Amino acid sequence: MVIISVPDMTVSASGEFPYQEFSREHINYFTDISLSSLMIKHGFHIHTVFSRKENGELVGFFRKKSKVVQKDTNGEQKIQHYINQSKKYEDAIYANLQ
């Protein structure tokens, strides 16, 4: 069994501090679907995946098994939304600096 703890993209920051969620510490962010898909792609079976919303953590328990992957459009939308919000704050900062 493998236990994985990663940042949960569904409880990401507002974007008020532009792009701060993208750091060297966490290059990849996940939702339950994208984390499960990654693990399934590499031969693991989902045992349990849950979110600890109070600290923005996604925890997954996986066992070795088959390779069937589900596309995570929700995760893609959440990341794109975060980038768009960060861009709005960034643009406002640059406008004020001008």
PDB file of N, CA and C in Angstrom:
ATOM      1  N   MET A   1       0.849  -1.186   0.000  1.00  0.00           N
ATOM      2  CA  MET A   1       0.000   0.000   0.000  1.00  0.00           C
ATOM      3  C   MET A   1       0.884   1.236   0.000  1.00  0.00           C
ATOM      4  N   VAL A   2       0.450   2.256  -0.725  1.00  0.00           N
ATOM      5  CA  VAL A   2       1.152   3.537  -0.799  1.00  0.00           C
ATOM      6  C   VAL A   2       0.218   4.608  -0.240  1.00  0.00           C
ATOM      7  N   ILE A   3       0.755   5.492   0.599  1.00  0.00           N
ATOM      8  CA  ILE A   3      -0.004   6.624   1.131  1.00  0.00           C
ATOM      9  C   ILE A   3       0.635   7.892   0.578  1.00  0.00           C
ATOM     10  N   ILE A   4      -0.197   8.734  -0.046  1.00  0.00           N
ATOM     11  CA  ILE A   4       0.301   9.959  -0.678  1.00  0.00           C
ATOM     12  C   ILE A   4      -0.460  11.153  -0.127  1.00  0.00           C
ATOM     13  N   SER A   5       0.272  12.216   0.201  1.00  0.00           N
ATOM     14  CA  SER A   5      -0.316  13.463   0.667  1.00  0.00           C
ATOM     15  C   SER A   5       0.180  14.576  -0.245  1.00  0.00           C
ATOM     16  N   VAL A   6      -0.760  15.287  -0.885  1.00  0.00           N
ATOM     17  CA  VAL A   6      -0.424  16.351  -1.831  1.00  0.00           C
ATOM     18  C   VAL A   6      -1.357  17.544  -1.613  1.00  0.00           C
ATOM     19  N   PRO A   7      -1.004  18.728  -2.150  1.00  0.00           N
ATOM     20  CA  PRO A   7      -1.915  19.869  -2.069  1.00  0.00           C
ATOM     21  C   PRO A   7      -3.209  19.574  -2.835  1.00  0.00           C
ATOM     22  N   ASP A   8      -4.344  19.951  -2.262  1.00  0.00           N
ATOM     23  CA  ASP A   8      -5.664  19.731  -2.866  1.00  0.00           C
ATOM     24  C   ASP A   8      -6.056  20.965  -3.674  1.00  0.00           C
ATOM     25  N   MET A   9      -6.104  20.838  -4.990  1.00  0.00           N
ATOM     26  CA  MET A   9      -6.403  21.980  -5.863  1.00  0.00           C
ATOM     27  C   MET A   9      -7.817  22.502  -5.678  1.00  0.00           C
ATOM     28  N   THR A  10      -8.728  21.680  -5.153  1.00  0.00           N
ATOM     29  CA  THR A  10     -10.104  22.151  -4.983  1.00  0.00           C
ATOM     30  C   THR A  10     -10.249  23.137  -3.838  1.00  0.00           C
ATOM     31  N   VAL A  11      -9.225  23.264  -2.998  1.00  0.00           N
ATOM     32  CA  VAL A  11      -9.264  24.246  -1.911  1.00  0.00           C
ATOM     33  C   VAL A  11      -8.105  25.221  -2.049  1.00  0.00           C
ATOM     34  N   SER A  12      -7.794  25.565  -3.295  1.00  0.00           N
ATOM     35  CA  SER A  12      -6.674  26.471  -3.558  1.00  0.00           C
ATOM     36  C   SER A  12      -6.970  27.882  -3.076  1.00  0.00           C
ATOM     37  N   ALA A  13      -5.927  28.650  -2.984  1.00  0.00           N
ATOM     38  CA  ALA A  13      -6.045  30.049  -2.567  1.00  0.00           C
ATOM     39  C   ALA A  13      -6.845  30.841  -3.593  1.00  0.00           C
ATOM     40  N   SER A  14      -7.245  32.017  -3.215  1.00  0.00           N
ATOM     41  CA  SER A  14      -8.110  32.855  -4.048  1.00  0.00           C
ATOM     42  C   SER A  14      -7.394  33.451  -5.254  1.00  0.00           C
ATOM     43  N   GLY A  15      -6.091  33.504  -5.213  1.00  0.00           N
ATOM     44  CA  GLY A  15      -5.346  34.195  -6.263  1.00  0.00           C
ATOM     45  C   GLY A  15      -4.990  35.606  -5.853  1.00  0.00           C
ATOM     46  N   GLU A  16      -5.373  35.982  -4.636  1.00  0.00           N
ATOM     47  CA  GLU A  16      -5.097  37.330  -4.130  1.00  0.00           C
ATOM     48  C   GLU A  16      -3.595  37.608  -4.094  1.00  0.00           C
ATOM     49  N   PHE A  17      -2.816  36.569  -3.866  1.00  0.00           N
ATOM     50  CA  PHE A  17      -1.364  36.671  -3.922  1.00  0.00           C
ATOM     51  C   PHE A  17      -0.945  35.899  -5.176  1.00  0.00           C
ATOM     52  N   PRO A  18      -0.802  36.583  -6.301  1.00  0.00           N
ATOM     53  CA  PRO A  18      -0.662  35.933  -7.607  1.00  0.00           C
ATOM     54  C   PRO A  18       0.368  34.815  -7.658  1.00  0.00           C
ATOM     55  N   TYR A  19      -0.089  33.688  -8.132  1.00  0.00           N
ATOM     56  CA  TYR A  19       0.732  32.508  -8.443  1.00  0.00           C
ATOM     57  C   TYR A  19       1.475  31.934  -7.241  1.00  0.00           C
ATOM     58  N   GLN A  20       1.170  32.367  -6.033  1.00  0.00           N
ATOM     59  CA  GLN A  20       1.918  31.910  -4.872  1.00  0.00           C
ATOM     60  C   GLN A  20       1.722  30.415  -4.606  1.00  0.00           C
ATOM     61  N   GLU A  21       0.604  29.860  -5.051  1.00  0.00           N
ATOM     62  CA  GLU A  21       0.381  28.429  -4.857  1.00  0.00           C
ATOM     63  C   GLU A  21       1.322  27.590  -5.723  1.00  0.00           C
ATOM     64  N   PHE A  22       1.874  28.163  -6.794  1.00  0.00           N
ATOM     65  CA  PHE A  22       2.820  27.440  -7.637  1.00  0.00           C
ATOM     66  C   PHE A  22       4.219  27.713  -7.100  1.00  0.00           C
ATOM     67  N   SER A  23       4.777  26.735  -6.432  1.00  0.00           N
ATOM     68  CA  SER A  23       6.069  26.926  -5.788  1.00  0.00           C
ATOM     69  C   SER A  23       6.993  25.768  -6.102  1.00  0.00           C
ATOM     70  N   ARG A  24       8.232  25.907  -5.690  1.00  0.00           N
ATOM     71  CA  ARG A  24       9.184  24.811  -5.867  1.00  0.00           C
ATOM     72  C   ARG A  24       8.829  23.615  -4.998  1.00  0.00           C
ATOM     73  N   GLU A  25       8.126  23.869  -3.916  1.00  0.00           N
ATOM     74  CA  GLU A  25       7.765  22.792  -3.004  1.00  0.00           C
ATOM     75  C   GLU A  25       6.750  21.844  -3.629  1.00  0.00           C
ATOM     76  N   HIS A  26       5.785  22.397  -4.357  1.00  0.00           N
ATOM     77  CA  HIS A  26       4.712  21.587  -4.942  1.00  0.00           C
ATOM     78  C   HIS A  26       4.546  21.956  -6.408  1.00  0.00           C
ATOM     79  N   ILE A  27       5.202  21.208  -7.247  1.00  0.00           N
ATOM     80  CA  ILE A  27       5.138  21.481  -8.672  1.00  0.00           C
ATOM     81  C   ILE A  27       3.789  21.065  -9.236  1.00  0.00           C
ATOM     82  N   ASN A  28       3.220  19.987  -8.709  1.00  0.00           N
ATOM     83  CA  ASN A  28       1.939  19.479  -9.182  1.00  0.00           C
ATOM     84  C   ASN A  28       0.884  19.577  -8.087  1.00  0.00           C
ATOM     85  N   TYR A  29      -0.303  19.983  -8.483  1.00  0.00           N
ATOM     86  CA  TYR A  29      -1.448  20.029  -7.587  1.00  0.00           C
ATOM     87  C   TYR A  29      -2.471  19.041  -8.103  1.00  0.00           C
ATOM     88  N   PHE A  30      -3.293  18.506  -7.208  1.00  0.00           N
ATOM     89  CA  PHE A  30      -4.195  17.429  -7.584  1.00  0.00           C
ATOM     90  C   PHE A  30      -5.596  17.644  -7.045  1.00  0.00           C
ATOM     91  N   THR A  31      -6.534  16.946  -7.700  1.00  0.00           N
ATOM     92  CA  THR A  31      -7.873  16.718  -7.160  1.00  0.00           C
ATOM     93  C   THR A  31      -7.940  15.225  -6.901  1.00  0.00           C
ATOM     94  N   ASP A  32      -9.033  14.764  -6.305  1.00  0.00           N
ATOM     95  CA  ASP A  32      -9.150  13.328  -6.065  1.00  0.00           C
ATOM     96  C   ASP A  32      -9.099  12.547  -7.376  1.00  0.00           C
ATOM     97  N   ILE A  33      -9.668  13.108  -8.442  1.00  0.00           N
ATOM     98  CA  ILE A  33      -9.678  12.418  -9.736  1.00  0.00           C
ATOM     99  C   ILE A  33      -8.288  12.368 -10.352  1.00  0.00           C
ATOM    100  N   SER A  34      -7.578  13.502 -10.367  1.00  0.00           N
ATOM    101  CA  SER A  34      -6.268  13.504 -11.018  1.00  0.00           C
ATOM    102  C   SER A  34      -5.246  12.667 -10.247  1.00  0.00           C
ATOM    103  N   LEU A  35      -5.306  12.693  -8.905  1.00  0.00           N
ATOM    104  CA  LEU A  35      -4.388  11.858  -8.121  1.00  0.00           C
ATOM    105  C   LEU A  35      -4.695  10.378  -8.351  1.00  0.00           C
ATOM    106  N   SER A  36      -5.972  10.031  -8.330  1.00  0.00           N
ATOM    107  CA  SER A  36      -6.366   8.641  -8.572  1.00  0.00           C
ATOM    108  C   SER A  36      -5.962   8.195  -9.970  1.00  0.00           C
ATOM    109  N   SER A  37      -6.177   9.053 -10.966  1.00  0.00           N
ATOM    110  CA  SER A  37      -5.812   8.713 -12.350  1.00  0.00           C
ATOM    111  C   SER A  37      -4.317   8.487 -12.499  1.00  0.00           C
ATOM    112  N   LEU A  38      -3.522   9.338 -11.866  1.00  0.00           N
ATOM    113  CA  LEU A  38      -2.073   9.173 -11.909  1.00  0.00           C
ATOM    114  C   LEU A  38      -1.670   7.818 -11.324  1.00  0.00           C
ATOM    115  N   MET A  39      -2.237   7.486 -10.190  1.00  0.00           N
ATOM    116  CA  MET A  39      -1.883   6.228  -9.536  1.00  0.00           C
ATOM    117  C   MET A  39      -2.378   5.020 -10.329  1.00  0.00           C
ATOM    118  N   ILE A  40      -3.588   5.108 -10.882  1.00  0.00           N
ATOM    119  CA  ILE A  40      -4.115   4.017 -11.711  1.00  0.00           C
ATOM    120  C   ILE A  40      -3.236   3.816 -12.936  1.00  0.00           C
ATOM    121  N   LYS A  41      -2.826   4.919 -13.549  1.00  0.00           N
ATOM    122  CA  LYS A  41      -1.952   4.851 -14.723  1.00  0.00           C
ATOM    123  C   LYS A  41      -0.673   4.073 -14.422  1.00  0.00           C
ATOM    124  N   HIS A  42      -0.240   4.127 -13.176  1.00  0.00           N
ATOM    125  CA  HIS A  42       0.996   3.454 -12.794  1.00  0.00           C
ATOM    126  C   HIS A  42       0.745   2.143 -12.047  1.00  0.00           C
ATOM    127  N   GLY A  43      -0.467   1.577 -12.272  1.00  0.00           N
ATOM    128  CA  GLY A  43      -0.749   0.230 -11.795  1.00  0.00           C
ATOM    129  C   GLY A  43      -1.289   0.102 -10.393  1.00  0.00           C
ATOM    130  N   PHE A  44      -1.853   1.179  -9.836  1.00  0.00           N
ATOM    131  CA  PHE A  44      -2.389   1.101  -8.487  1.00  0.00           C
ATOM    132  C   PHE A  44      -3.910   1.123  -8.491  1.00  0.00           C
ATOM    133  N   HIS A  45      -4.496   0.530  -7.478  1.00  0.00           N
ATOM    134  CA  HIS A  45      -5.938   0.505  -7.254  1.00  0.00           C
ATOM    135  C   HIS A  45      -6.253   1.493  -6.131  1.00  0.00           C
ATOM    136  N   ILE A  46      -7.346   2.233  -6.261  1.00  0.00           N
ATOM    137  CA  ILE A  46      -7.741   3.212  -5.237  1.00  0.00           C
ATOM    138  C   ILE A  46      -8.306   2.469  -4.036  1.00  0.00           C
ATOM    139  N   HIS A  47      -7.734   2.716  -2.893  1.00  0.00           N
ATOM    140  CA  HIS A  47      -8.289   2.166  -1.654  1.00  0.00           C
ATOM    141  C   HIS A  47      -9.166   3.241  -1.007  1.00  0.00           C
ATOM    142  N   THR A  48      -8.598   4.427  -0.767  1.00  0.00           N
ATOM    143  CA  THR A  48      -9.321   5.564  -0.191  1.00  0.00           C
ATOM    144  C   THR A  48      -8.620   6.849  -0.600  1.00  0.00           C
ATOM    145  N   VAL A  49      -9.403   7.882  -0.953  1.00  0.00           N
ATOM    146  CA  VAL A  49      -8.860   9.224  -1.194  1.00  0.00           C
ATOM    147  C   VAL A  49      -9.780  10.195  -0.462  1.00  0.00           C
ATOM    148  N   PHE A  50      -9.200  11.052   0.368  1.00  0.00           N
ATOM    149  CA  PHE A  50     -10.026  12.025   1.066  1.00  0.00           C
ATOM    150  C   PHE A  50      -9.296  13.355   1.164  1.00  0.00           C
ATOM    151  N   SER A  51     -10.091  14.419   1.320  1.00  0.00           N
ATOM    152  CA  SER A  51      -9.544  15.772   1.411  1.00  0.00           C
ATOM    153  C   SER A  51      -9.605  16.240   2.851  1.00  0.00           C
ATOM    154  N   ARG A  52      -8.512  16.858   3.302  1.00  0.00           N
ATOM    155  CA  ARG A  52      -8.490  17.520   4.602  1.00  0.00           C
ATOM    156  C   ARG A  52      -8.551  19.020   4.319  1.00  0.00           C
ATOM    157  N   LYS A  53      -9.755  19.525   4.140  1.00  0.00           N
ATOM    158  CA  LYS A  53      -9.980  20.902   3.693  1.00  0.00           C
ATOM    159  C   LYS A  53      -9.350  21.947   4.607  1.00  0.00           C
ATOM    160  N   GLU A  54      -9.262  21.658   5.912  1.00  0.00           N
ATOM    161  CA  GLU A  54      -8.737  22.659   6.843  1.00  0.00           C
ATOM    162  C   GLU A  54      -7.282  23.015   6.568  1.00  0.00           C
ATOM    163  N   ASN A  55      -6.531  22.110   5.942  1.00  0.00           N
ATOM    164  CA  ASN A  55      -5.140  22.451   5.620  1.00  0.00           C
ATOM    165  C   ASN A  55      -4.817  22.254   4.142  1.00  0.00           C
ATOM    166  N   GLY A  56      -5.852  22.101   3.314  1.00  0.00           N
ATOM    167  CA  GLY A  56      -5.651  22.015   1.872  1.00  0.00           C
ATOM    168  C   GLY A  56      -4.915  20.772   1.411  1.00  0.00           C
ATOM    169  N   GLU A  57      -5.083  19.681   2.138  1.00  0.00           N
ATOM    170  CA  GLU A  57      -4.343  18.448   1.847  1.00  0.00           C
ATOM    171  C   GLU A  57      -5.268  17.380   1.274  1.00  0.00           C
ATOM    172  N   LEU A  58      -4.768  16.673   0.281  1.00  0.00           N
ATOM    173  CA  LEU A  58      -5.463  15.529  -0.294  1.00  0.00           C
ATOM    174  C   LEU A  58      -4.637  14.298   0.056  1.00  0.00           C
ATOM    175  N   VAL A  59      -5.281  13.298   0.651  1.00  0.00           N
ATOM    176  CA  VAL A  59      -4.575  12.095   1.090  1.00  0.00           C
ATOM    177  C   VAL A  59      -5.157  10.893   0.358  1.00  0.00           C
ATOM    178  N   GLY A  60      -4.284  10.083  -0.218  1.00  0.00           N
ATOM    179  CA  GLY A  60      -4.738   8.896  -0.934  1.00  0.00           C
ATOM    180  C   GLY A  60      -4.031   7.645  -0.459  1.00  0.00           C
ATOM    181  N   PHE A  61      -4.789   6.563  -0.356  1.00  0.00           N
ATOM    182  CA  PHE A  61      -4.262   5.239  -0.033  1.00  0.00           C
ATOM    183  C   PHE A  61      -4.478   4.376  -1.267  1.00  0.00           C
ATOM    184  N   PHE A  62      -3.417   3.777  -1.789  1.00  0.00           N
ATOM    185  CA  PHE A  62      -3.494   3.013  -3.036  1.00  0.00           C
ATOM    186  C   PHE A  62      -2.805   1.658  -2.885  1.00  0.00           C
ATOM    187  N   ARG A  63      -3.322   0.675  -3.641  1.00  0.00           N
ATOM    188  CA  ARG A  63      -2.697  -0.644  -3.728  1.00  0.00           C
ATOM    189  C   ARG A  63      -2.374  -0.915  -5.189  1.00  0.00           C
ATOM    190  N   LYS A  64      -1.389  -1.737  -5.447  1.00  0.00           N
ATOM    191  CA  LYS A  64      -0.987  -2.078  -6.817  1.00  0.00           C
ATOM    192  C   LYS A  64      -2.112  -2.818  -7.527  1.00  0.00           C
ATOM    193  N   LYS A  65      -2.437  -2.427  -8.790  1.00  0.00           N
ATOM    194  CA  LYS A  65      -3.465  -3.109  -9.579  1.00  0.00           C
ATOM    195  C   LYS A  65      -3.381  -2.776 -11.065  1.00  0.00           C
ATOM    196  N   SER A  66      -4.530  -2.452 -11.730  1.00  0.00           N
ATOM    197  CA  SER A  66      -4.614  -2.278 -13.185  1.00  0.00           C
ATOM    198  C   SER A  66      -4.455  -0.833 -13.647  1.00  0.00           C
ATOM    199  N   LYS A  67      -4.494  -0.621 -14.996  1.00  0.00           N
ATOM    200  CA  LYS A  67      -4.289   0.719 -15.582  1.00  0.00           C
ATOM    201  C   LYS A  67      -5.520   1.187 -16.365  1.00  0.00           C
ATOM    202  N   VAL A  68      -6.463   1.867 -15.712  1.00  0.00           N
ATOM    203  CA  VAL A  68      -7.612   2.485 -16.369  1.00  0.00           C
ATOM    204  C   VAL A  68      -7.649   3.928 -15.868  1.00  0.00           C
ATOM    205  N   VAL A  69      -7.473   4.896 -16.747  1.00  0.00           N
ATOM    206  CA  VAL A  69      -7.338   6.300 -16.343  1.00  0.00           C
ATOM    207  C   VAL A  69      -8.590   7.097 -16.709  1.00  0.00           C
ATOM    208  N   GLN A  70      -9.018   7.969 -15.789  1.00  0.00           N
ATOM    209  CA  GLN A  70     -10.153   8.861 -16.008  1.00  0.00           C
ATOM    210  C   GLN A  70      -9.623  10.281 -16.212  1.00  0.00           C
ATOM    211  N   LYS A  71     -10.061  10.957 -17.278  1.00  0.00           N
ATOM    212  CA  LYS A  71      -9.631  12.336 -17.529  1.00  0.00           C
ATOM    213  C   LYS A  71     -10.231  13.257 -16.473  1.00  0.00           C
ATOM    214  N   ASP A  72      -9.420  14.166 -15.944  1.00  0.00           N
ATOM    215  CA  ASP A  72      -9.831  15.049 -14.856  1.00  0.00           C
ATOM    216  C   ASP A  72     -10.115  16.454 -15.382  1.00  0.00           C
ATOM    217  N   THR A  73     -11.264  16.654 -16.010  1.00  0.00           N
ATOM    218  CA  THR A  73     -11.611  17.977 -16.532  1.00  0.00           C
ATOM    219  C   THR A  73     -11.897  18.958 -15.394  1.00  0.00           C
ATOM    220  N   ASN A  74     -12.420  18.470 -14.271  1.00  0.00           N
ATOM    221  CA  ASN A  74     -12.684  19.343 -13.127  1.00  0.00           C
ATOM    222  C   ASN A  74     -11.379  19.940 -12.601  1.00  0.00           C
ATOM    223  N   GLY A  75     -10.345  19.112 -12.472  1.00  0.00           N
ATOM    224  CA  GLY A  75      -9.046  19.604 -12.016  1.00  0.00           C
ATOM    225  C   GLY A  75      -8.458  20.616 -12.976  1.00  0.00           C
ATOM    226  N   GLU A  76      -8.577  20.346 -14.276  1.00  0.00           N
ATOM    227  CA  GLU A  76      -8.080  21.293 -15.289  1.00  0.00           C
ATOM    228  C   GLU A  76      -8.791  22.630 -15.151  1.00  0.00           C
ATOM    229  N   GLN A  77     -10.111  22.598 -14.949  1.00  0.00           N
ATOM    230  CA  GLN A  77     -10.885  23.831 -14.805  1.00  0.00           C
ATOM    231  C   GLN A  77     -10.483  24.593 -13.549  1.00  0.00           C
ATOM    232  N   LYS A  78     -10.255  23.874 -12.440  1.00  0.00           N
ATOM    233  CA  LYS A  78      -9.860  24.524 -11.186  1.00  0.00           C
ATOM    234  C   LYS A  78      -8.504  25.216 -11.331  1.00  0.00           C
ATOM    235  N   ILE A  79      -7.552  24.551 -11.964  1.00  0.00           N
ATOM    236  CA  ILE A  79      -6.228  25.143 -12.156  1.00  0.00           C
ATOM    237  C   ILE A  79      -6.323  26.358 -13.078  1.00  0.00           C
ATOM    238  N   GLN A  80      -7.103  26.245 -14.156  1.00  0.00           N
ATOM    239  CA  GLN A  80      -7.261  27.375 -15.084  1.00  0.00           C
ATOM    240  C   GLN A  80      -7.923  28.555 -14.374  1.00  0.00           C
ATOM    241  N   HIS A  81      -8.919  28.271 -13.537  1.00  0.00           N
ATOM    242  CA  HIS A  81      -9.583  29.335 -12.781  1.00  0.00           C
ATOM    243  C   HIS A  81      -8.585  30.034 -11.855  1.00  0.00           C
ATOM    244  N   TYR A  82      -7.768  29.250 -11.169  1.00  0.00           N
ATOM    245  CA  TYR A  82      -6.753  29.824 -10.268  1.00  0.00           C
ATOM    246  C   TYR A  82      -5.780  30.716 -11.044  1.00  0.00           C
ATOM    247  N   ILE A  83      -5.338  30.260 -12.200  1.00  0.00           N
ATOM    248  CA  ILE A  83      -4.421  31.055 -13.027  1.00  0.00           C
ATOM    249  C   ILE A  83      -5.099  32.347 -13.477  1.00  0.00           C
ATOM    250  N   ASN A  84      -6.359  32.255 -13.901  1.00  0.00           N
ATOM    251  CA  ASN A  84      -7.099  33.443 -14.341  1.00  0.00           C
ATOM    252  C   ASN A  84      -7.257  34.451 -13.204  1.00  0.00           C
ATOM    253  N   GLN A  85      -7.586  33.960 -11.993  1.00  0.00           N
ATOM    254  CA  GLN A  85      -7.721  34.850 -10.838  1.00  0.00           C
ATOM    255  C   GLN A  85      -6.382  35.492 -10.497  1.00  0.00           C
ATOM    256  N   SER A  86      -5.312  34.720 -10.525  1.00  0.00           N
ATOM    257  CA  SER A  86      -3.986  35.259 -10.250  1.00  0.00           C
ATOM    258  C   SER A  86      -3.623  36.329 -11.266  1.00  0.00           C
ATOM    259  N   LYS A  87      -3.964  36.096 -12.534  1.00  0.00           N
ATOM    260  CA  LYS A  87      -3.669  37.063 -13.598  1.00  0.00           C
ATOM    261  C   LYS A  87      -4.409  38.377 -13.344  1.00  0.00           C
ATOM    262  N   LYS A  88      -5.666  38.299 -12.879  1.00  0.00           N
ATOM    263  CA  LYS A  88      -6.430  39.515 -12.584  1.00  0.00           C
ATOM    264  C   LYS A  88      -5.745  40.326 -11.483  1.00  0.00           C
ATOM    265  N   TYR A  89      -5.335  39.652 -10.405  1.00  0.00           N
ATOM    266  CA  TYR A  89      -4.640  40.347  -9.322  1.00  0.00           C
ATOM    267  C   TYR A  89      -3.303  40.906  -9.799  1.00  0.00           C
ATOM    268  N   GLU A  90      -2.595  40.124 -10.603  1.00  0.00           N
ATOM    269  CA  GLU A  90      -1.309  40.571 -11.133  1.00  0.00           C
ATOM    270  C   GLU A  90      -1.499  41.816 -12.011  1.00  0.00           C
ATOM    271  N   ASP A  91      -2.512  41.800 -12.873  1.00  0.00           N
ATOM    272  CA  ASP A  91      -2.785  42.948 -13.739  1.00  0.00           C
ATOM    273  C   ASP A  91      -3.116  44.196 -12.918  1.00  0.00           C
ATOM    274  N   ALA A  92      -3.874  44.016 -11.829  1.00  0.00           N
ATOM    275  CA  ALA A  92      -4.213  45.152 -10.971  1.00  0.00           C
ATOM    276  C   ALA A  92      -2.968  45.708 -10.291  1.00  0.00           C
ATOM    277  N   ILE A  93      -2.075  44.840  -9.866  1.00  0.00           N
ATOM    278  CA  ILE A  93      -0.826  45.290  -9.252  1.00  0.00           C
ATOM    279  C   ILE A  93       0.001  46.089 -10.263  1.00  0.00           C
ATOM    280  N   TYR A  94       0.144  45.573 -11.473  1.00  0.00           N
ATOM    281  CA  TYR A  94       0.912  46.276 -12.508  1.00  0.00           C
ATOM    282  C   TYR A  94       0.255  47.599 -12.892  1.00  0.00           C
ATOM    283  N   ALA A  95      -1.067  47.637 -12.928  1.00  0.00           N
ATOM    284  CA  ALA A  95      -1.773  48.882 -13.247  1.00  0.00           C
ATOM    285  C   ALA A  95      -1.490  49.935 -12.181  1.00  0.00           C
ATOM    286  N   ASN A  96      -1.495  49.524 -10.915  1.00  0.00           N
ATOM    287  CA  ASN A  96      -1.192  50.461  -9.830  1.00  0.00           C
ATOM    288  C   ASN A  96       0.257  50.934  -9.893  1.00  0.00           C
ATOM    289  N   LEU A  97       1.147  50.061 -10.268  1.00  0.00           N
ATOM    290  CA  LEU A  97       2.546  50.449 -10.394  1.00  0.00           C
ATOM    291  C   LEU A  97       2.771  51.444 -11.537  1.00  0.00           C
ATOM    292  N   GLN A  98       1.975  51.315 -12.593  1.00  0.00           N
ATOM    293  CA  GLN A  98       2.091  52.227 -13.731  1.00  0.00           C
ATOM    294  C   GLN A  98       1.738  53.635 -13.299  1.00  0.00           C
TER     295      GLN A  98
END
